[in-house]
Amino acid sequence: MNIVFTARISKKHRDHLEANNQGVTFFFCNGISEAERYLPTADVLVTYGEDLTESDIDKAVKLRWIMVISAGLERMPLHAIQKRDILVTNARGIHKVPMAEYVISMLLQVYRQEKQLIHNERNHIWDKSLRMQEISGRTMLIVGTGAIGQEVARLAKAFHMTTIGVSKSGRPVASFDETHKTIDLKDQLPKADFVVSVLPSTPDTRQLFSIDHFNAMPNHAIFINIGRGDVVAEDIIVEAIRSQKIAHVVLDVFEEEPLPANHMFWKEENITVTPHISGVSAQYVTRALAIFEENLHVFKHNGTSFMNKIDVQRGY
């Protein structure tokens, strides 16, 4: 069995995989261009997903499984993959700890005036008049109740928050006080002090949030997007902030990345911009490869119980 990595991993991880998978030949490459010569013999491809094209799939004539060691699949040639009936799994869930911590840290950043505190410290300003608030006891609405959403809700409960989950099915999920269907999202928004989107990019989620949704939020609400940038149009975000429909927006994902230096988001005092790092963790690759190895065991034994199996037609 030949396994080709286009995702670059450390020597420590390479040595571990080779030592624990006798009879498997690994080709560790730095990107798809370096891996191209190995594609015709690849049974398995391990990738971050963004570098694959339809042409690469055509060259990989023996390919049976693609392991994506990230969560996002929107840039992958899913149509070509579906035509070949290639198994796709991803690393969904490994981001939940850092992304949940990110959400809490950003809420504290806003409520505890941390931007202004840092500015004052740098400029030797002693100002005790800053208005501090507590996030405890508030209501958080999370759109997307998968692994990440559940972990965000779990941490929110540590701050005694009421947690509302919104998903396509609306089914009950751990750590949520109540759950609702996506079609009922607007009706739930008036309850929310904090609105967190962890949605992937799919035909159903693109441009999900309209100006009507922001109109429905309390004007003190904070909106955080750690899912995908196309869940809401950029001009709607700016309108919501400038017209004071909501108090603050925290964005870690954008329609265009990197965010251009002259983009309007940078200029808005009540928009916090971070460079798509909410899921970054020193444990990222270790966690992703643990899922890969578990699925590799299933694959070797012609099993079917794969973790994080993707419905290629839906894209998630």
Protein backbone atom coordinates (compact mmCIF):
# COMPACT_ATOMS: atom_id res chain seq x y z
CA MET A 1 0.00 0.00 0.00
CA ASN A 2 1.34 3.43 -0.98
CA ILE A 3 0.40 6.49 1.06
CA VAL A 4 1.35 9.92 -0.25
CA PHE A 5 1.47 12.95 2.03
CA THR A 6 1.18 16.36 0.40
CA ALA A 7 0.75 17.79 3.90
CA ARG A 8 4.13 18.50 5.41
CA ILE A 9 4.69 16.87 8.81
CA SER A 10 7.69 16.70 11.13
CA LYS A 11 10.31 13.95 11.16
CA LYS A 12 8.99 12.84 14.56
CA HIS A 13 5.56 12.15 13.06
CA ARG A 14 7.05 10.54 9.92
CA ASP A 15 9.16 8.17 12.01
CA HIS A 16 6.17 7.25 14.16
CA LEU A 17 3.98 6.42 11.14
CA GLU A 18 6.67 4.28 9.49
CA ALA A 19 7.50 2.42 12.69
CA ASN A 20 3.86 1.59 13.43
CA ASN A 21 2.70 0.66 9.93
CA GLN A 22 4.82 -2.18 8.60
CA GLY A 23 4.13 -3.07 4.97
CA VAL A 24 3.04 0.47 4.10
CA THR A 25 5.20 2.68 1.91
CA PHE A 26 5.00 6.37 2.78
CA PHE A 27 5.98 9.22 0.48
CA PHE A 28 6.28 12.41 2.51
CA CYS A 29 6.17 15.50 0.29
CA ASN A 30 6.03 19.23 0.70
CA GLY A 31 2.98 20.12 -1.37
CA ILE A 32 1.26 18.66 -4.40
CA SER A 33 3.97 19.65 -6.90
CA GLU A 34 6.54 17.52 -5.08
CA ALA A 35 4.04 14.68 -4.74
CA GLU A 36 2.96 14.67 -8.38
CA ARG A 37 5.31 11.90 -9.48
CA TYR A 38 3.93 9.56 -6.78
CA LEU A 39 0.24 10.12 -7.56
CA PRO A 40 -0.15 7.29 -10.13
CA THR A 41 0.75 4.68 -7.49
CA ALA A 42 -1.03 6.26 -4.51
CA ASP A 43 -3.68 4.23 -2.72
CA VAL A 44 -4.12 6.90 -0.05
CA LEU A 45 -3.55 10.64 -0.14
CA VAL A 46 -3.09 12.76 3.00
CA THR A 47 -3.57 16.46 2.33
CA TYR A 48 -4.74 19.77 3.75
CA GLY A 49 -7.18 19.74 0.83
CA GLU A 50 -6.53 23.17 -0.63
CA ASP A 51 -3.80 22.04 -3.02
CA LEU A 52 -5.73 19.33 -4.91
CA THR A 53 -7.13 19.83 -8.40
CA GLU A 54 -9.28 17.72 -10.69
CA SER A 55 -6.15 16.99 -12.72
CA ASP A 56 -4.44 15.56 -9.62
CA ILE A 57 -7.38 13.22 -9.04
CA ASP A 58 -7.19 12.06 -12.65
CA LYS A 59 -3.48 11.24 -12.26
CA ALA A 60 -4.08 9.24 -9.07
CA VAL A 61 -5.57 6.26 -10.92
CA LYS A 62 -5.30 3.88 -7.94
CA LEU A 63 -6.54 6.33 -5.32
CA ARG A 64 -9.16 4.92 -2.93
CA TRP A 65 -9.04 7.23 0.09
CA ILE A 66 -8.27 10.90 0.75
CA MET A 67 -7.56 11.93 4.34
CA VAL A 68 -7.89 15.69 4.78
CA ILE A 69 -6.07 16.79 7.93
CA SER A 70 -8.20 19.89 8.27
CA ALA A 71 -11.95 20.44 8.47
CA GLY A 72 -12.61 22.62 5.40
CA LEU A 73 -13.33 20.93 2.08
CA GLU A 74 -14.73 23.77 0.00
CA ARG A 75 -11.67 24.10 -2.23
CA MET A 76 -11.42 20.41 -3.07
CA PRO A 77 -12.45 18.99 -6.48
CA LEU A 78 -15.41 17.18 -4.94
CA HIS A 79 -17.15 16.47 -8.25
CA ALA A 80 -14.12 14.59 -9.60
CA ILE A 81 -13.78 12.73 -6.31
CA GLN A 82 -17.45 11.77 -6.32
CA LYS A 83 -17.23 10.42 -9.89
CA ARG A 84 -14.50 8.04 -8.77
CA ASP A 85 -16.32 7.12 -5.55
CA ILE A 86 -13.19 7.88 -3.53
CA LEU A 87 -13.55 7.75 0.25
CA VAL A 88 -12.96 11.11 1.95
CA THR A 89 -12.42 11.63 5.67
CA ASN A 90 -11.30 14.73 7.51
CA ALA A 91 -9.99 15.91 10.87
CA ARG A 92 -13.26 17.39 12.07
CA GLY A 93 -13.24 17.87 15.84
CA ILE A 94 -9.51 18.38 16.40
CA HIS A 95 -10.02 22.15 16.42
CA LYS A 96 -12.63 22.17 19.14
CA VAL A 97 -10.36 22.93 22.11
CA PRO A 98 -8.40 25.89 20.67
CA MET A 99 -11.47 27.30 18.89
CA ALA A 100 -13.60 27.18 22.01
CA GLU A 101 -10.84 28.87 23.99
CA TYR A 102 -10.59 31.49 21.23
CA VAL A 103 -14.30 32.33 21.56
CA ILE A 104 -14.08 32.81 25.31
CA SER A 105 -10.87 34.85 25.00
CA MET A 106 -12.41 37.16 22.41
CA LEU A 107 -15.53 37.75 24.50
CA LEU A 108 -13.33 38.61 27.47
CA GLN A 109 -11.22 40.84 25.24
CA VAL A 110 -14.26 42.91 24.36
CA TYR A 111 -16.00 42.93 27.74
CA ARG A 112 -12.80 43.59 29.70
CA GLN A 113 -11.64 46.37 27.32
CA GLU A 114 -8.33 44.64 26.67
CA LYS A 115 -7.51 46.56 23.49
CA GLN A 116 -7.79 49.83 25.37
CA LEU A 117 -5.89 48.48 28.36
CA ILE A 118 -2.96 47.47 26.13
CA HIS A 119 -3.06 50.88 24.42
CA ASN A 120 -3.04 52.63 27.81
CA GLU A 121 -0.18 50.49 29.09
CA ARG A 122 1.96 51.27 26.05
CA ASN A 123 1.27 54.96 26.45
CA HIS A 124 1.67 55.03 30.25
CA ILE A 125 -1.97 56.06 30.79
CA TRP A 126 -3.54 55.29 34.17
CA ASP A 127 -7.28 55.30 33.45
CA LYS A 128 -9.64 53.64 35.92
CA SER A 129 -12.77 54.91 34.18
CA LEU A 130 -12.91 52.07 31.65
CA ARG A 131 -16.27 50.31 31.73
CA MET A 132 -15.77 46.63 32.51
CA GLN A 133 -18.45 43.98 31.99
CA GLU A 134 -18.85 40.30 32.89
CA ILE A 135 -19.60 37.55 30.37
CA SER A 136 -20.96 35.34 33.15
CA GLY A 137 -24.70 34.75 33.19
CA ARG A 138 -25.21 35.86 29.58
CA THR A 139 -26.91 33.98 26.76
CA MET A 140 -24.86 32.51 23.94
CA LEU A 141 -26.40 31.33 20.67
CA ILE A 142 -24.18 29.01 18.64
CA VAL A 143 -24.98 28.31 15.00
CA GLY A 144 -23.54 24.88 14.30
CA THR A 145 -23.83 22.26 17.04
CA GLY A 146 -21.10 19.83 15.97
CA ALA A 147 -17.92 19.07 17.90
CA ILE A 148 -16.69 22.67 17.92
CA GLY A 149 -20.06 24.15 18.79
CA GLN A 150 -20.50 21.68 21.62
CA GLU A 151 -17.09 22.53 23.09
CA VAL A 152 -17.84 26.26 22.86
CA ALA A 153 -21.13 25.61 24.68
CA ARG A 154 -19.39 23.48 27.33
CA LEU A 155 -16.97 26.29 28.18
CA ALA A 156 -19.81 28.81 28.12
CA LYS A 157 -21.57 26.74 30.80
CA ALA A 158 -18.51 27.21 33.02
CA PHE A 159 -19.41 30.93 32.91
CA HIS A 160 -23.01 30.09 33.86
CA MET A 161 -24.32 31.06 30.43
CA THR A 162 -27.58 29.95 28.89
CA THR A 163 -26.68 28.13 25.68
CA ILE A 164 -28.88 27.98 22.59
CA GLY A 165 -27.90 25.76 19.66
CA VAL A 166 -29.04 26.15 16.07
CA SER A 167 -28.55 23.47 13.44
CA LYS A 168 -30.22 22.09 10.35
CA SER A 169 -31.91 19.30 12.32
CA GLY A 170 -32.44 21.13 15.58
CA ARG A 171 -31.84 17.91 17.49
CA PRO A 172 -30.88 18.07 21.19
CA VAL A 173 -27.12 18.10 21.80
CA ALA A 174 -24.96 17.97 24.93
CA SER A 175 -24.11 21.29 26.65
CA PHE A 176 -27.04 23.17 25.07
CA ASP A 177 -30.00 24.26 27.15
CA GLU A 178 -32.14 24.31 24.04
CA THR A 179 -31.71 23.63 20.33
CA HIS A 180 -33.61 24.87 17.28
CA LYS A 181 -33.63 24.40 13.53
CA THR A 182 -31.82 26.82 11.23
CA ILE A 183 -35.12 28.00 9.76
CA ASP A 184 -35.96 29.35 13.23
CA LEU A 185 -32.65 31.21 13.68
CA LYS A 186 -34.08 34.73 13.39
CA ASP A 187 -36.68 34.02 16.06
CA GLN A 188 -33.96 33.02 18.55
CA LEU A 189 -31.56 35.92 17.96
CA PRO A 190 -33.33 38.48 20.21
CA LYS A 191 -32.41 36.28 23.21
CA ALA A 192 -28.68 36.29 22.47
CA ASP A 193 -25.97 38.42 24.02
CA PHE A 194 -23.36 36.51 22.00
CA VAL A 195 -23.86 34.89 18.58
CA VAL A 196 -21.17 32.45 17.42
CA SER A 197 -21.07 30.96 13.93
CA VAL A 198 -19.05 27.77 13.45
CA LEU A 199 -20.64 26.86 10.13
CA PRO A 200 -18.74 25.29 7.23
CA SER A 201 -19.02 26.65 3.70
CA THR A 202 -21.79 24.79 1.88
CA PRO A 203 -24.58 25.81 -0.51
CA ASP A 204 -26.93 25.88 2.50
CA THR A 205 -24.73 28.13 4.66
CA ARG A 206 -23.37 30.70 2.22
CA GLN A 207 -24.85 34.13 2.93
CA LEU A 208 -27.03 32.58 5.64
CA PHE A 209 -26.94 35.73 7.78
CA SER A 210 -28.84 38.64 6.26
CA ILE A 211 -29.25 42.18 7.56
CA ASP A 212 -32.57 41.02 9.00
CA HIS A 213 -30.69 38.63 11.27
CA PHE A 214 -28.51 41.45 12.61
CA ASN A 215 -31.60 43.63 13.06
CA ALA A 216 -33.02 40.85 15.23
CA MET A 217 -30.02 40.80 17.58
CA PRO A 218 -29.93 43.08 20.64
CA ASN A 219 -27.87 46.20 19.98
CA HIS A 220 -25.40 45.12 22.69
CA ALA A 221 -24.76 41.75 20.99
CA ILE A 222 -21.36 40.44 19.92
CA PHE A 223 -21.13 38.38 16.72
CA ILE A 224 -18.20 35.98 16.33
CA ASN A 225 -17.42 34.03 13.14
CA ILE A 226 -14.93 31.17 13.39
CA GLY A 227 -16.51 28.96 10.69
CA ARG A 228 -16.22 30.28 7.15
CA GLY A 229 -16.19 33.85 5.89
CA ASP A 230 -18.93 33.45 3.31
CA VAL A 231 -21.66 32.83 5.91
CA VAL A 232 -22.38 36.59 5.78
CA ALA A 233 -21.63 39.31 3.23
CA GLU A 234 -18.95 41.78 4.29
CA ASP A 235 -21.06 44.86 3.59
CA ILE A 236 -23.75 43.53 5.92
CA ILE A 237 -21.21 43.23 8.75
CA VAL A 238 -20.03 46.81 8.22
CA GLU A 239 -23.60 48.10 8.04
CA ALA A 240 -24.50 46.31 11.27
CA ILE A 241 -21.55 47.89 13.08
CA ARG A 242 -21.80 51.40 11.64
CA SER A 243 -25.55 51.61 12.29
CA GLN A 244 -25.00 50.21 15.81
CA LYS A 245 -27.38 47.32 15.26
CA ILE A 246 -24.87 45.27 17.29
CA ALA A 247 -21.96 46.29 19.51
CA HIS A 248 -18.99 44.31 18.24
CA VAL A 249 -17.92 41.76 15.63
CA VAL A 250 -15.02 39.30 15.95
CA LEU A 251 -13.87 37.74 12.68
CA ASP A 252 -11.30 34.99 12.24
CA VAL A 253 -12.46 33.98 8.73
CA PHE A 254 -13.03 36.01 5.59
CA GLU A 255 -14.25 35.75 2.02
CA GLU A 256 -10.75 36.66 0.86
CA GLU A 257 -7.68 35.53 2.77
CA PRO A 258 -5.26 37.03 3.60
CA LEU A 259 -7.46 40.05 4.29
CA PRO A 260 -6.16 42.92 2.11
CA ALA A 261 -4.33 45.67 3.99
CA ASN A 262 -6.76 48.30 2.71
CA HIS A 263 -9.88 46.35 3.66
CA MET A 264 -12.63 48.26 5.46
CA PHE A 265 -12.66 45.80 8.38
CA TRP A 266 -9.27 47.03 9.60
CA LYS A 267 -10.62 50.57 10.03
CA GLU A 268 -13.62 49.74 12.21
CA GLU A 269 -12.97 50.15 15.92
CA ASN A 270 -15.70 47.65 16.81
CA ILE A 271 -14.51 44.90 14.49
CA THR A 272 -11.76 42.62 15.80
CA VAL A 273 -9.77 40.89 13.04
CA THR A 274 -7.60 37.81 13.56
CA PRO A 275 -5.81 35.93 10.73
CA HIS A 276 -7.68 32.58 10.66
CA ILE A 277 -5.85 31.25 13.70
CA SER A 278 -8.67 30.24 16.06
CA GLY A 279 -7.92 26.55 15.44
CA VAL A 280 -4.16 26.83 15.75
CA SER A 281 -2.64 24.59 18.40
CA ALA A 282 0.65 22.84 19.09
CA GLN A 283 -1.45 19.65 19.25
CA TYR A 284 -3.00 20.11 15.79
CA VAL A 285 -0.98 17.58 13.78
CA THR A 286 -0.84 15.05 16.62
CA ARG A 287 -4.64 15.06 16.89
CA ALA A 288 -5.14 14.92 13.11
CA LEU A 289 -2.76 12.00 12.69
CA ALA A 290 -4.49 10.11 15.52
CA ILE A 291 -7.69 10.19 13.45
CA PHE A 292 -5.73 9.19 10.35
CA GLU A 293 -4.14 6.20 12.10
CA GLU A 294 -7.46 5.01 13.47
CA ASN A 295 -8.97 5.21 9.98
CA LEU A 296 -5.89 3.58 8.47
CA HIS A 297 -6.45 0.57 10.71
CA VAL A 298 -10.04 0.33 9.43
CA PHE A 299 -8.87 0.79 5.83
CA LYS A 300 -6.22 -1.96 6.10
CA HIS A 301 -8.85 -4.42 7.31
CA ASN A 302 -11.44 -3.46 4.67
CA GLY A 303 -13.71 -2.05 7.35
CA THR A 304 -16.40 0.59 7.06
CA SER A 305 -16.47 2.31 10.48
CA PHE A 306 -14.41 5.36 9.48
CA MET A 307 -14.23 8.43 11.69
CA ASN A 308 -15.37 11.68 10.07
CA LYS A 309 -16.51 10.14 6.80
CA ILE A 310 -17.57 12.89 4.42
CA ASP A 311 -20.71 12.94 2.29
CA VAL A 312 -18.91 14.17 -0.84
CA GLN A 313 -22.14 15.26 -2.50
CA ARG A 314 -22.99 17.56 0.43
CA GLY A 315 -19.40 18.61 1.08
CA TYR A 316 -19.42 17.85 4.82
